[in-house]
Amino acid sequence: MTLTDSSKMEKNSSNMIHLTADSPSKPETVCIFGTGDFGRSLGQKMLQCGYSTVFGSRKSQTSSLIPKGIEVLSHAEAAKKSNIIIVAIQREHYNFLSELTEVLHGKVLVDVSNNLKINQYPESNAEYLAQLVPGAKVVKAFNTVSAWALQSGTLDASRQVKLSNMNDSKAKEMVMGIVRTLGLTPLDQGSLLAAKEIENYPLQLFPMWKFPIYLSLGLSAFLFFYCLIREVIYNYVYENKNVSFFIVISIPNRICPVVALILLALVYLPGVIAAIIQLHRGTKYSRFPDWLDKWMLCRKQLGLVALAYAFLHVLYTLVIPIRYYVRWKLNSYVISQVDQFIHSTGWHSDSYLALGILGFFLFILLGITSLPSVSNNVNWREFRFVQSKLGYLTLILCTAHTLGYGGKRFLSPSSYRWYLPEAYVLSLIVPCIKYQILHLCRGLYSITS
């Protein structure tokens, strides 16, 4: 190696060291107004991530609850030390900020507050804060993250942080940088007009699950009384038999498969109805009715509730052989007579059980692919194939399982107690309607016919 090459390497290595030393930027100081649970948790998390943090409080005395290494000053003194101020106080205590308008002018105020009720005030808390301090740049953020998640470090359930501000991209980028440094994912929601929606988000309690749950509970209640009349009250009135214990296992095992099949059919029915509306209107760009739009949005939840009912049906079926009533009935039947084995009955029994097993397997597959961790790893065509093609196959298998279970019993007059058919017949109503609509969409006959 020559002297020239050695000098070039030393020069290049010195340049590399120089670039490495200057590349990381030192995090700036962040001020937090409020020393409550969320303010302390956020301050401790920011301190762990390398931020220089200062608290602004009515009482400037240091408390044992304040994380070590964080200074506590008055609101005015703390605001002077940072360009980013996180307002971790409730809306009812915002009034003092109007006295600090000169100090807060040009600074970024991050509103993290939530309300007790949805749409509690005419405007959002962030918009109200912007009115109190007109010279500040207000950003709505961190209200979807809990203090407990910040303290424990388990941020998997609330890793996304929704942001909105008054059309100041620089202020938003500063807050998004803090969000990323804390290990969270920023989600830009647009202007401050979206702040109200962001504030309402943590207050919602399963909004997409209400209709599926209410519907399933309503169907369950209706079918319970339906089966109670057919199988318990009828036997007591006409045959003087007390079979009230059917309420525990037998009747639930009638209800669960019926509700599961109806809900599964209702998952795919709105898509067909939407196609009919588009065919009738002659365009796909007109908006669907509100009821249909809400129905289509909760199809995933309908499917998961249907899967839960199908799973209960499987559990109830598995305990049938160990029931006292079943063992007693089997023993009494064996003692009374011995019938010759009928191959057609064996084929019929095994066939509808096999159809049920295959249908339940595909049902579970549909539930697995609806998980975000799975659906995010497949493309749209793969997801549509599973949810559409395999979904229809699941519905066909489950319907065939129900038809095989019923067999020819629906033709027997004795199966109609008080002119009421067996419960499984009710589960076939929605699939039959759906197939008629599907034929309509495929142009097999016109709407008028």
Protein backbone atom coordinates (compact mmCIF):
# COMPACT_ATOMS: atom_id res chain seq x y z
CA MET A 1 0.00 0.00 0.00
CA THR A 2 1.43 3.36 -1.02
CA LEU A 3 1.56 6.50 1.06
CA THR A 4 -0.98 8.15 -1.24
CA ASP A 5 -3.50 5.34 -0.71
CA SER A 6 -2.96 5.49 3.04
CA SER A 7 -3.63 9.24 3.13
CA LYS A 8 -6.79 8.79 1.04
CA MET A 9 -8.08 6.14 3.44
CA GLU A 10 -7.41 8.37 6.45
CA LYS A 11 -9.22 11.24 4.72
CA ASN A 12 -12.20 9.03 3.85
CA SER A 13 -12.36 7.57 7.35
CA SER A 14 -12.29 11.04 8.89
CA ASN A 15 -15.14 12.08 6.62
CA MET A 16 -17.13 9.01 7.62
CA ILE A 17 -16.70 9.72 11.33
CA HIS A 18 -17.69 13.33 10.79
CA LEU A 19 -20.92 12.35 9.03
CA THR A 20 -21.84 9.80 11.68
CA ALA A 21 -21.34 12.26 14.48
CA ASP A 22 -23.55 14.92 12.93
CA SER A 23 -26.36 12.69 11.62
CA PRO A 24 -28.46 12.18 14.76
CA SER A 25 -30.37 15.28 15.79
CA LYS A 26 -30.85 15.94 19.48
CA PRO A 27 -34.55 15.78 20.50
CA GLU A 28 -35.88 19.15 21.54
CA THR A 29 -37.45 20.01 24.86
CA VAL A 30 -41.13 19.19 25.24
CA CYS A 31 -43.39 20.91 27.75
CA ILE A 32 -46.37 19.15 29.32
CA PHE A 33 -49.16 21.12 30.98
CA GLY A 34 -50.69 18.96 33.71
CA THR A 35 -49.25 16.44 36.17
CA GLY A 36 -52.15 13.98 36.18
CA ASP A 37 -51.96 10.30 35.31
CA PHE A 38 -51.69 10.82 31.56
CA GLY A 39 -49.28 13.76 31.82
CA ARG A 40 -46.92 11.86 34.13
CA SER A 41 -47.08 8.69 32.03
CA LEU A 42 -46.40 10.58 28.81
CA GLY A 43 -43.57 12.54 30.44
CA GLN A 44 -41.91 9.36 31.67
CA LYS A 45 -42.23 7.73 28.26
CA MET A 46 -40.73 10.76 26.53
CA LEU A 47 -37.90 10.87 29.06
CA GLN A 48 -37.11 7.22 28.30
CA CYS A 49 -37.04 8.03 24.58
CA GLY A 50 -34.44 10.78 25.10
CA TYR A 51 -36.59 13.90 25.18
CA SER A 52 -35.84 16.71 27.60
CA THR A 53 -39.18 17.17 29.36
CA VAL A 54 -40.51 19.90 31.61
CA PHE A 55 -43.85 20.03 33.42
CA GLY A 56 -46.02 23.10 33.71
CA SER A 57 -48.25 23.03 36.78
CA ARG A 58 -50.17 25.28 39.17
CA LYS A 59 -47.88 23.99 41.92
CA SER A 60 -44.23 24.10 40.99
CA GLN A 61 -43.16 21.88 43.89
CA THR A 62 -41.64 18.56 42.85
CA SER A 63 -43.75 15.58 43.88
CA SER A 64 -42.69 11.99 44.50
CA LEU A 65 -45.04 10.97 41.68
CA ILE A 66 -43.12 13.05 39.12
CA PRO A 67 -40.50 10.97 37.26
CA LYS A 68 -36.94 11.79 38.24
CA GLY A 69 -35.12 14.06 35.83
CA ILE A 70 -38.18 16.15 34.91
CA GLU A 71 -38.40 19.73 36.13
CA VAL A 72 -41.70 21.18 37.39
CA LEU A 73 -42.26 24.89 36.75
CA SER A 74 -45.16 27.27 36.48
CA HIS A 75 -47.13 27.27 33.24
CA ALA A 76 -45.55 30.47 31.94
CA GLU A 77 -41.97 29.46 32.78
CA ALA A 78 -42.38 25.97 31.35
CA ALA A 79 -43.91 27.30 28.11
CA LYS A 80 -40.87 29.51 27.49
CA LYS A 81 -38.57 26.48 27.41
CA SER A 82 -40.28 24.62 24.57
CA ASN A 83 -41.94 25.17 21.21
CA ILE A 84 -44.15 22.09 21.68
CA ILE A 85 -46.59 22.10 24.58
CA ILE A 86 -48.76 19.08 25.33
CA VAL A 87 -51.94 20.20 27.07
CA ALA A 88 -52.76 17.22 29.32
CA ILE A 89 -55.64 18.83 31.19
CA GLN A 90 -59.41 18.68 30.88
CA ARG A 91 -61.41 21.18 28.86
CA GLU A 92 -62.98 22.64 32.02
CA HIS A 93 -59.56 23.98 33.05
CA TYR A 94 -58.58 25.59 29.73
CA ASN A 95 -59.51 29.12 30.82
CA PHE A 96 -56.11 29.95 32.30
CA LEU A 97 -54.53 29.48 28.86
CA SER A 98 -56.14 32.72 27.66
CA GLU A 99 -53.84 34.54 30.10
CA LEU A 100 -50.79 33.02 28.38
CA THR A 101 -51.63 34.05 24.82
CA GLU A 102 -48.44 36.08 24.40
CA VAL A 103 -46.23 33.26 25.70
CA LEU A 104 -48.02 30.63 23.62
CA HIS A 105 -48.05 32.68 20.40
CA GLY A 106 -46.53 30.67 17.54
CA LYS A 107 -46.08 27.55 19.65
CA VAL A 108 -47.52 24.11 18.95
CA LEU A 109 -50.27 23.10 21.38
CA VAL A 110 -51.09 19.39 21.42
CA ASP A 111 -54.56 18.70 22.79
CA VAL A 112 -54.87 15.20 24.28
CA SER A 113 -58.19 15.57 26.10
CA ASN A 114 -61.35 13.48 25.80
CA ASN A 115 -64.92 14.12 26.87
CA LEU A 116 -67.25 12.05 29.03
CA LYS A 117 -69.92 11.72 26.34
CA ILE A 118 -70.02 11.57 22.55
CA ASN A 119 -70.73 15.02 21.04
CA GLN A 120 -70.80 16.56 24.51
CA TYR A 121 -70.00 20.05 23.18
CA PRO A 122 -70.92 21.81 19.92
CA GLU A 123 -67.26 22.04 18.93
CA SER A 124 -64.33 19.76 19.65
CA ASN A 125 -61.93 20.42 22.51
CA ALA A 126 -59.15 21.16 20.03
CA GLU A 127 -61.27 23.76 18.22
CA TYR A 128 -62.20 25.32 21.55
CA LEU A 129 -58.51 25.48 22.46
CA ALA A 130 -57.72 27.16 19.14
CA GLN A 131 -60.34 29.80 19.92
CA LEU A 132 -58.84 30.50 23.36
CA VAL A 133 -55.29 30.80 22.01
CA PRO A 134 -55.67 32.10 18.43
CA GLY A 135 -51.94 32.62 17.90
CA ALA A 136 -51.02 28.99 18.67
CA LYS A 137 -50.87 26.03 16.31
CA VAL A 138 -53.25 23.45 17.75
CA VAL A 139 -52.79 19.75 16.97
CA LYS A 140 -55.12 17.00 18.18
CA ALA A 141 -53.20 13.85 19.12
CA PHE A 142 -52.54 11.16 21.77
CA ASN A 143 -56.16 11.02 22.95
CA THR A 144 -56.48 7.43 21.68
CA VAL A 145 -53.58 6.23 23.87
CA SER A 146 -54.27 5.36 27.51
CA ALA A 147 -52.10 6.28 30.48
CA TRP A 148 -51.94 2.62 31.51
CA ALA A 149 -50.59 1.62 28.08
CA LEU A 150 -47.87 4.27 28.34
CA GLN A 151 -46.88 3.13 31.83
CA SER A 152 -46.89 -0.61 31.17
CA GLY A 153 -45.43 -0.35 27.68
CA THR A 154 -48.14 -2.62 26.20
CA LEU A 155 -49.06 -0.39 23.27
CA ASP A 156 -50.12 -3.14 20.87
CA ALA A 157 -53.83 -2.44 21.33
CA SER A 158 -53.53 1.33 20.81
CA ARG A 159 -50.43 1.86 18.69
CA GLN A 160 -52.09 4.16 16.19
CA VAL A 161 -52.24 7.86 17.09
CA LYS A 162 -54.74 9.92 15.11
CA LEU A 163 -53.75 13.53 14.39
CA SER A 164 -55.43 16.63 12.99
CA ASN A 165 -54.50 20.32 12.97
CA MET A 166 -55.34 23.67 11.35
CA ASN A 167 -53.53 23.22 8.02
CA ASP A 168 -50.02 23.66 9.43
CA SER A 169 -47.94 20.86 8.00
CA LYS A 170 -44.81 21.84 9.91
CA ALA A 171 -46.56 21.64 13.29
CA LYS A 172 -48.11 18.33 12.34
CA GLU A 173 -44.74 16.92 11.25
CA MET A 174 -43.21 17.92 14.58
CA VAL A 175 -45.89 16.02 16.49
CA MET A 176 -45.67 13.05 14.13
CA GLY A 177 -41.93 12.92 14.80
CA ILE A 178 -42.63 12.64 18.53
CA VAL A 179 -45.20 9.92 17.88
CA ARG A 180 -42.72 7.86 15.87
CA THR A 181 -39.99 8.31 18.48
CA LEU A 182 -42.34 6.91 21.14
CA GLY A 183 -42.78 3.77 19.03
CA LEU A 184 -46.29 4.65 17.87
CA THR A 185 -47.80 5.00 14.40
CA PRO A 186 -49.14 8.43 13.39
CA LEU A 187 -52.35 8.49 11.38
CA ASP A 188 -53.09 11.81 9.70
CA GLN A 189 -56.83 12.56 9.81
CA GLY A 190 -56.65 15.92 8.05
CA SER A 191 -57.69 19.32 9.36
CA LEU A 192 -58.91 20.25 12.81
CA LEU A 193 -62.47 19.66 11.63
CA ALA A 194 -61.78 15.95 12.16
CA ALA A 195 -60.90 16.53 15.82
CA LYS A 196 -64.47 15.89 16.95
CA GLU A 197 -64.48 12.51 15.27
CA ILE A 198 -61.10 11.71 16.86
CA GLU A 199 -62.44 12.69 20.29
CA ASN A 200 -65.55 10.54 19.83
CA TYR A 201 -63.52 7.49 18.80
CA PRO A 202 -62.34 6.40 22.30
CA LEU A 203 -65.90 6.78 23.64
CA GLN A 204 -67.44 4.35 21.16
CA LEU A 205 -68.40 0.91 22.44
CA PHE A 206 -68.33 -1.63 19.61
CA PRO A 207 -70.38 0.48 17.17
CA MET A 208 -70.23 -2.14 14.40
CA TRP A 209 -71.20 -4.95 16.79
CA LYS A 210 -74.51 -3.52 18.03
CA PHE A 211 -76.69 -4.63 15.13
CA PRO A 212 -75.23 -8.18 14.89
CA ILE A 213 -75.50 -8.72 18.64
CA TYR A 214 -79.03 -7.32 18.91
CA LEU A 215 -80.11 -9.35 15.89
CA SER A 216 -78.59 -12.57 17.20
CA LEU A 217 -80.10 -12.06 20.66
CA GLY A 218 -83.50 -11.30 19.12
CA LEU A 219 -83.36 -14.43 16.94
CA SER A 220 -82.21 -16.50 19.91
CA ALA A 221 -85.08 -15.26 22.08
CA PHE A 222 -87.65 -15.91 19.34
CA LEU A 223 -86.33 -19.42 18.64
CA PHE A 224 -86.13 -20.21 22.35
CA PHE A 225 -89.83 -19.55 22.88
CA TYR A 226 -90.61 -21.25 19.57
CA CYS A 227 -88.82 -24.45 20.61
CA LEU A 228 -90.20 -24.16 24.14
CA ILE A 229 -93.75 -24.26 22.77
CA ARG A 230 -93.07 -27.12 20.33
CA GLU A 231 -90.91 -29.41 22.46
CA VAL A 232 -91.72 -28.70 26.11
CA ILE A 233 -95.21 -27.24 26.41
CA TYR A 234 -96.68 -29.45 23.66
CA ASN A 235 -95.33 -32.63 25.28
CA TYR A 236 -96.67 -31.57 28.65
CA VAL A 237 -100.15 -30.70 27.34
CA TYR A 238 -100.80 -33.60 24.94
CA GLU A 239 -98.53 -36.39 26.19
CA ASN A 240 -98.26 -35.45 29.88
CA LYS A 241 -94.44 -35.63 29.70
CA ASN A 242 -92.18 -33.34 31.69
CA VAL A 243 -89.17 -32.66 29.46
CA SER A 244 -88.33 -29.25 30.90
CA PHE A 245 -84.67 -30.30 31.07
CA PHE A 246 -84.60 -29.79 27.29
CA ILE A 247 -84.13 -26.09 28.09
CA VAL A 248 -80.51 -26.71 29.16
CA ILE A 249 -79.00 -28.52 26.14
CA SER A 250 -81.58 -29.71 23.61
CA ILE A 251 -83.20 -26.34 22.91
CA PRO A 252 -79.88 -24.39 22.79
CA ASN A 253 -78.62 -27.01 20.35
CA ARG A 254 -81.63 -26.21 18.17
CA ILE A 255 -81.12 -22.46 18.46
CA CYS A 256 -77.38 -22.20 17.77
CA PRO A 257 -77.26 -23.82 14.30
CA VAL A 258 -80.39 -21.99 13.16
CA VAL A 259 -79.04 -18.58 14.20
CA ALA A 260 -75.60 -19.41 12.75
CA LEU A 261 -77.04 -20.31 9.34
CA ILE A 262 -79.35 -17.28 9.23
CA LEU A 263 -76.52 -14.90 10.15
CA LEU A 264 -74.18 -16.52 7.62
CA ALA A 265 -76.80 -16.00 4.91
CA LEU A 266 -77.26 -12.40 6.04
CA VAL A 267 -73.52 -11.84 5.50
CA TYR A 268 -73.84 -12.40 1.74
CA LEU A 269 -77.41 -11.21 1.21
CA PRO A 270 -76.69 -7.41 1.27
CA GLY A 271 -74.14 -7.74 -1.53
CA VAL A 272 -76.76 -9.35 -3.73
CA ILE A 273 -79.35 -6.72 -2.79
CA ALA A 274 -76.82 -4.01 -3.65
CA ALA A 275 -76.32 -5.62 -7.06
CA ILE A 276 -80.08 -5.59 -7.64
CA ILE A 277 -80.25 -1.89 -6.76
CA GLN A 278 -77.42 -1.14 -9.17
CA LEU A 279 -79.14 -3.11 -11.93
CA HIS A 280 -82.41 -1.32 -11.28
CA ARG A 281 -80.78 2.13 -11.28
CA GLY A 282 -78.51 1.32 -14.20
CA THR A 283 -75.42 2.72 -12.45
CA LYS A 284 -73.08 1.83 -9.63
CA TYR A 285 -72.28 5.43 -8.67
CA SER A 286 -75.51 6.29 -6.83
CA ARG A 287 -75.43 5.95 -3.06
CA PHE A 288 -77.06 2.95 -1.40
CA PRO A 289 -79.83 3.44 1.16
CA ASP A 290 -78.58 4.15 4.66
CA TRP A 291 -79.91 0.87 6.08
CA LEU A 292 -78.15 -1.14 3.38
CA ASP A 293 -74.92 0.81 3.85
CA LYS A 294 -74.89 0.06 7.59
CA TRP A 295 -75.77 -3.57 6.91
CA MET A 296 -72.83 -3.98 4.52
CA LEU A 297 -70.42 -2.33 6.96
CA CYS A 298 -71.17 -4.85 9.72
CA ARG A 299 -70.92 -8.02 7.58
CA LYS A 300 -67.64 -9.02 9.21
CA GLN A 301 -69.20 -8.81 12.67
CA LEU A 302 -72.25 -10.78 11.49
CA GLY A 303 -69.95 -13.53 10.26
CA LEU A 304 -67.97 -13.68 13.49
CA VAL A 305 -71.15 -13.88 15.59
CA ALA A 306 -72.38 -16.65 13.27
CA LEU A 307 -69.08 -18.48 13.80
CA ALA A 308 -69.53 -18.20 17.58
CA TYR A 309 -73.00 -19.75 17.35
CA ALA A 310 -71.66 -22.53 15.10
CA PHE A 311 -68.91 -23.23 17.61
CA LEU A 312 -71.50 -23.48 20.41
CA HIS A 313 -73.50 -25.89 18.24
CA VAL A 314 -70.41 -28.10 17.92
CA LEU A 315 -69.84 -28.08 21.69
CA TYR A 316 -73.48 -28.89 22.45
CA THR A 317 -73.37 -31.73 19.92
CA LEU A 318 -70.21 -33.22 21.42
CA VAL A 319 -71.85 -33.65 24.85
CA ILE A 320 -74.91 -35.47 23.47
CA PRO A 321 -73.51 -39.02 24.03
CA ILE A 322 -72.81 -38.40 27.74
CA ARG A 323 -76.26 -37.01 28.57
CA TYR A 324 -78.31 -39.15 30.93
CA TYR A 325 -81.45 -38.75 28.84
CA VAL A 326 -79.68 -39.96 25.69
CA ARG A 327 -78.07 -42.96 27.43
CA TRP A 328 -81.38 -43.91 29.05
CA LYS A 329 -83.25 -43.66 25.76
CA LEU A 330 -80.58 -45.69 23.98
CA ASN A 331 -80.61 -48.44 26.60
CA SER A 332 -84.39 -48.68 26.61
CA TYR A 333 -84.41 -48.88 22.83
CA VAL A 334 -81.80 -51.67 22.80
CA ILE A 335 -83.73 -53.66 25.38
CA SER A 336 -87.07 -53.31 23.60
CA GLN A 337 -86.02 -54.36 20.12
CA VAL A 338 -83.12 -54.97 17.80
CA ASP A 339 -83.57 -53.64 14.26
CA GLN A 340 -81.65 -54.73 11.23
CA PHE A 341 -78.94 -52.32 10.07
CA ILE A 342 -80.16 -50.09 7.21
CA HIS A 343 -77.35 -49.00 4.87
CA SER A 344 -79.29 -46.08 3.41
CA THR A 345 -79.83 -44.64 6.88
CA GLY A 346 -76.12 -45.05 7.62
CA TRP A 347 -75.21 -43.21 4.43
CA HIS A 348 -77.71 -40.46 5.19
CA SER A 349 -76.45 -39.99 8.76
CA ASP A 350 -72.76 -39.97 7.86
CA SER A 351 -73.32 -37.71 4.86
CA TYR A 352 -75.01 -34.85 6.69
CA LEU A 353 -72.46 -35.12 9.53
CA ALA A 354 -69.61 -34.92 6.99
CA LEU A 355 -71.22 -31.89 5.37
CA GLY A 356 -71.46 -30.23 8.77
CA ILE A 357 -67.80 -30.93 9.53
CA LEU A 358 -66.65 -29.51 6.19
CA GLY A 359 -68.90 -26.48 6.57
CA PHE A 360 -67.57 -25.79 10.06
CA PHE A 361 -63.97 -26.15 8.84
CA LEU A 362 -64.52 -23.55 6.11
CA PHE A 363 -66.38 -21.40 8.64
CA ILE A 364 -63.28 -21.34 10.84
CA LEU A 365 -61.13 -20.58 7.79
CA LEU A 366 -63.31 -17.55 7.02
CA GLY A 367 -62.98 -16.36 10.60
CA ILE A 368 -59.19 -16.70 10.52
CA THR A 369 -58.84 -14.73 7.28
CA SER A 370 -60.93 -11.91 8.74
CA LEU A 371 -58.27 -11.26 11.39
CA PRO A 372 -56.26 -8.09 10.63
CA SER A 373 -52.94 -9.92 11.05
CA VAL A 374 -53.98 -12.36 8.31
CA SER A 375 -55.94 -10.09 5.97
CA ASN A 376 -53.06 -7.59 5.88
CA ASN A 377 -50.75 -10.27 4.45
CA VAL A 378 -52.91 -11.23 1.47
CA ASN A 379 -53.78 -9.24 -1.62
CA TRP A 380 -57.28 -8.15 -2.54
CA ARG A 381 -57.87 -11.02 -4.99
CA GLU A 382 -56.86 -13.65 -2.42
CA PHE A 383 -59.00 -12.05 0.28
CA ARG A 384 -61.99 -11.78 -2.07
CA PHE A 385 -61.56 -15.40 -3.14
CA VAL A 386 -61.65 -16.65 0.46
CA GLN A 387 -64.47 -14.39 1.65
CA SER A 388 -66.58 -14.71 -1.50
CA LYS A 389 -66.02 -18.08 -3.18
CA LEU A 390 -65.27 -20.08 -0.03
CA GLY A 391 -67.94 -18.11 1.80
CA TYR A 392 -70.62 -19.22 -0.66
CA LEU A 393 -69.28 -22.77 -0.46
CA THR A 394 -69.56 -22.62 3.33
CA LEU A 395 -73.15 -21.45 3.07
CA ILE A 396 -73.97 -24.25 0.61
CA LEU A 397 -72.37 -26.93 2.82
CA CYS A 398 -74.11 -25.68 5.96
CA THR A 399 -77.45 -25.51 4.14
CA ALA A 400 -76.94 -29.04 2.78
CA HIS A 401 -76.06 -30.19 6.31
CA THR A 402 -79.35 -28.76 7.57
CA LEU A 403 -81.33 -30.36 4.74
CA GLY A 404 -79.65 -33.69 5.42
CA TYR A 405 -80.42 -33.40 9.11
CA GLY A 406 -84.11 -32.79 8.41
CA GLY A 407 -84.43 -35.38 5.66
CA LYS A 408 -88.06 -36.10 4.83
CA ARG A 409 -89.37 -35.15 8.25
CA PHE A 410 -90.84 -31.91 6.95
CA LEU A 411 -93.21 -34.02 4.79
CA SER A 412 -94.62 -35.83 7.81
CA PRO A 413 -97.75 -34.23 9.34
CA SER A 414 -96.71 -35.45 12.79
CA SER A 415 -93.67 -33.14 12.73
CA TYR A 416 -95.93 -30.08 12.71
CA ARG A 417 -96.90 -29.55 16.31
CA TRP A 418 -99.62 -26.95 16.60
CA TYR A 419 -99.00 -26.35 12.87
CA LEU A 420 -95.45 -25.22 13.68
CA PRO A 421 -92.59 -26.76 11.65
CA GLU A 422 -89.34 -27.84 13.23
CA ALA A 423 -86.82 -25.11 14.02
CA TYR A 424 -84.35 -26.21 11.34
CA VAL A 425 -86.90 -25.31 8.63
CA LEU A 426 -86.76 -21.66 9.73
CA SER A 427 -83.01 -21.53 9.08
CA LEU A 428 -83.59 -22.32 5.40
CA ILE A 429 -85.76 -19.26 4.73
CA VAL A 430 -82.94 -16.74 4.26
CA PRO A 431 -80.69 -19.02 2.13
CA CYS A 432 -83.62 -19.77 -0.20
CA ILE A 433 -84.43 -16.08 -0.58
CA LYS A 434 -80.78 -15.36 -1.23
CA TYR A 435 -80.52 -17.94 -4.02
CA GLN A 436 -83.61 -16.48 -5.70
CA ILE A 437 -82.01 -13.03 -5.66
CA LEU A 438 -78.76 -14.52 -6.97
CA HIS A 439 -80.65 -15.97 -9.94
CA LEU A 440 -82.18 -12.55 -10.51
CA CYS A 441 -78.74 -10.89 -10.61
CA ARG A 442 -77.53 -13.43 -13.13
CA GLY A 443 -80.40 -12.50 -15.44
CA LEU A 444 -82.26 -15.80 -15.26
CA TYR A 445 -85.52 -13.85 -14.94
CA SER A 446 -86.51 -10.22 -14.83
CA ILE A 447 -87.32 -8.03 -11.83
CA THR A 448 -90.98 -7.76 -12.81
CA SER A 449 -91.42 -11.54 -12.83
